[in-house]
Amino acid sequence: MREIQLRDAKATLSAVIDEAVRGQPAVITRHGRKEAVVLSFAEYEKLSRVPSFGRLLASFPGEDGDLPARSGATRDNPDL
C-alpha cells in the first residue's frame, strides 16, 4: 500500500481513486502521520461485513457436548 501526502492526494484525487478501484489502496498522510486510507467501495464493503470474534462465538449453533471438554488443570484454573 503506497503512502501519499495529503496535498498530493488532493492534486491527483481522481488518479488515487482510480488506483483504489483497481485494488491499490493508498494511505493519506498529513505532516508525516498516517491519517486516512482510500480504498475501493467493494473492499470497504468486504471489510465492514467481517464479524467480530465475539459475534462468531455467540452465533455458534452447537449443542452441549459438541466441543471436547478441556483437559488438564492450569495454574490459573486449578479446577479444570
Protein backbone atom coordinates (compact mmCIF):
# COMPACT_ATOMS: atom_id res chain seq x y z
CA MET A 1 0.00 0.00 0.00
CA ARG A 2 1.51 3.27 -1.01
CA GLU A 3 1.60 6.41 1.12
CA ILE A 4 0.76 9.79 -0.34
CA GLN A 5 0.83 13.21 1.26
CA LEU A 6 -2.50 14.96 1.61
CA ARG A 7 -1.57 17.82 -0.69
CA ASP A 8 -0.54 15.35 -3.42
CA ALA A 9 -3.72 13.33 -2.90
CA LYS A 10 -5.78 16.49 -3.36
CA ALA A 11 -3.97 17.35 -6.57
CA THR A 12 -4.37 13.83 -8.01
CA LEU A 13 -7.58 12.65 -6.33
CA SER A 14 -9.03 11.14 -9.49
CA ALA A 15 -5.90 9.04 -10.03
CA VAL A 16 -5.80 7.99 -6.36
CA ILE A 17 -9.41 6.80 -6.62
CA ASP A 18 -8.77 5.00 -9.93
CA GLU A 19 -5.88 3.11 -8.31
CA ALA A 20 -8.02 2.18 -5.31
CA VAL A 21 -10.71 0.80 -7.61
CA ARG A 22 -8.01 -1.29 -9.33
CA GLY A 23 -7.00 -2.77 -5.97
CA GLN A 24 -4.22 -0.39 -4.93
CA PRO A 25 -5.38 1.49 -1.80
CA ALA A 26 -3.41 4.50 -0.57
CA VAL A 27 -2.59 5.76 2.90
CA ILE A 28 -3.02 9.52 3.15
CA THR A 29 -0.50 11.25 5.41
CA ARG A 30 -0.61 14.71 6.92
CA HIS A 31 2.53 16.16 8.49
CA GLY A 32 4.12 12.70 8.37
CA ARG A 33 1.28 10.97 10.26
CA LYS A 34 -1.00 8.37 8.70
CA GLU A 35 -4.48 9.90 8.71
CA ALA A 36 -6.73 8.02 6.29
CA VAL A 37 -6.94 5.22 3.72
CA VAL A 38 -8.51 5.43 0.28
CA LEU A 39 -9.83 2.06 -0.85
CA SER A 40 -12.48 0.87 -3.25
CA PHE A 41 -16.08 0.73 -2.08
CA ALA A 42 -16.13 -3.01 -2.82
CA GLU A 43 -13.16 -3.54 -0.48
CA TYR A 44 -14.79 -1.36 2.17
CA GLU A 45 -17.98 -3.45 1.99
CA LYS A 46 -15.97 -6.66 2.47
CA LEU A 47 -14.19 -5.23 5.50
CA SER A 48 -17.34 -3.82 7.07
CA ARG A 49 -19.06 -7.22 6.95
CA VAL A 50 -16.36 -9.15 8.82
CA PRO A 51 -17.99 -10.23 12.08
CA SER A 52 -16.19 -9.87 15.40
CA PHE A 53 -14.86 -12.98 17.11
CA GLY A 54 -17.43 -12.48 19.87
CA ARG A 55 -20.29 -12.47 17.35
CA LEU A 56 -18.93 -15.62 15.73
CA LEU A 57 -18.85 -17.36 19.12
CA ALA A 58 -22.33 -16.12 20.02
CA SER A 59 -23.73 -17.45 16.76
CA PHE A 60 -22.22 -20.94 17.16
CA PRO A 61 -25.13 -23.34 16.56
CA GLY A 62 -23.65 -26.14 18.66
CA GLU A 63 -25.18 -28.09 21.49
CA ASP A 64 -23.73 -29.30 24.77
CA GLY A 65 -21.17 -31.97 24.04
CA ASP A 66 -20.30 -30.68 20.54
CA LEU A 67 -16.98 -29.36 21.75
CA PRO A 68 -14.46 -31.55 23.56
CA ALA A 69 -14.02 -30.87 27.26
CA ARG A 70 -10.90 -29.09 28.39
CA SER A 71 -8.28 -31.38 29.77
CA GLY A 72 -5.72 -30.66 32.47
CA ALA A 73 -5.71 -28.02 35.14
CA THR A 74 -3.70 -24.84 34.83
CA ARG A 75 -2.20 -22.56 37.42
CA ASP A 76 -4.91 -20.00 36.66
CA ASN A 77 -7.75 -22.56 36.66
CA PRO A 78 -6.87 -25.41 39.05
CA ASP A 79 -10.47 -26.73 38.97
CA LEU A 80 -10.40 -27.78 35.31
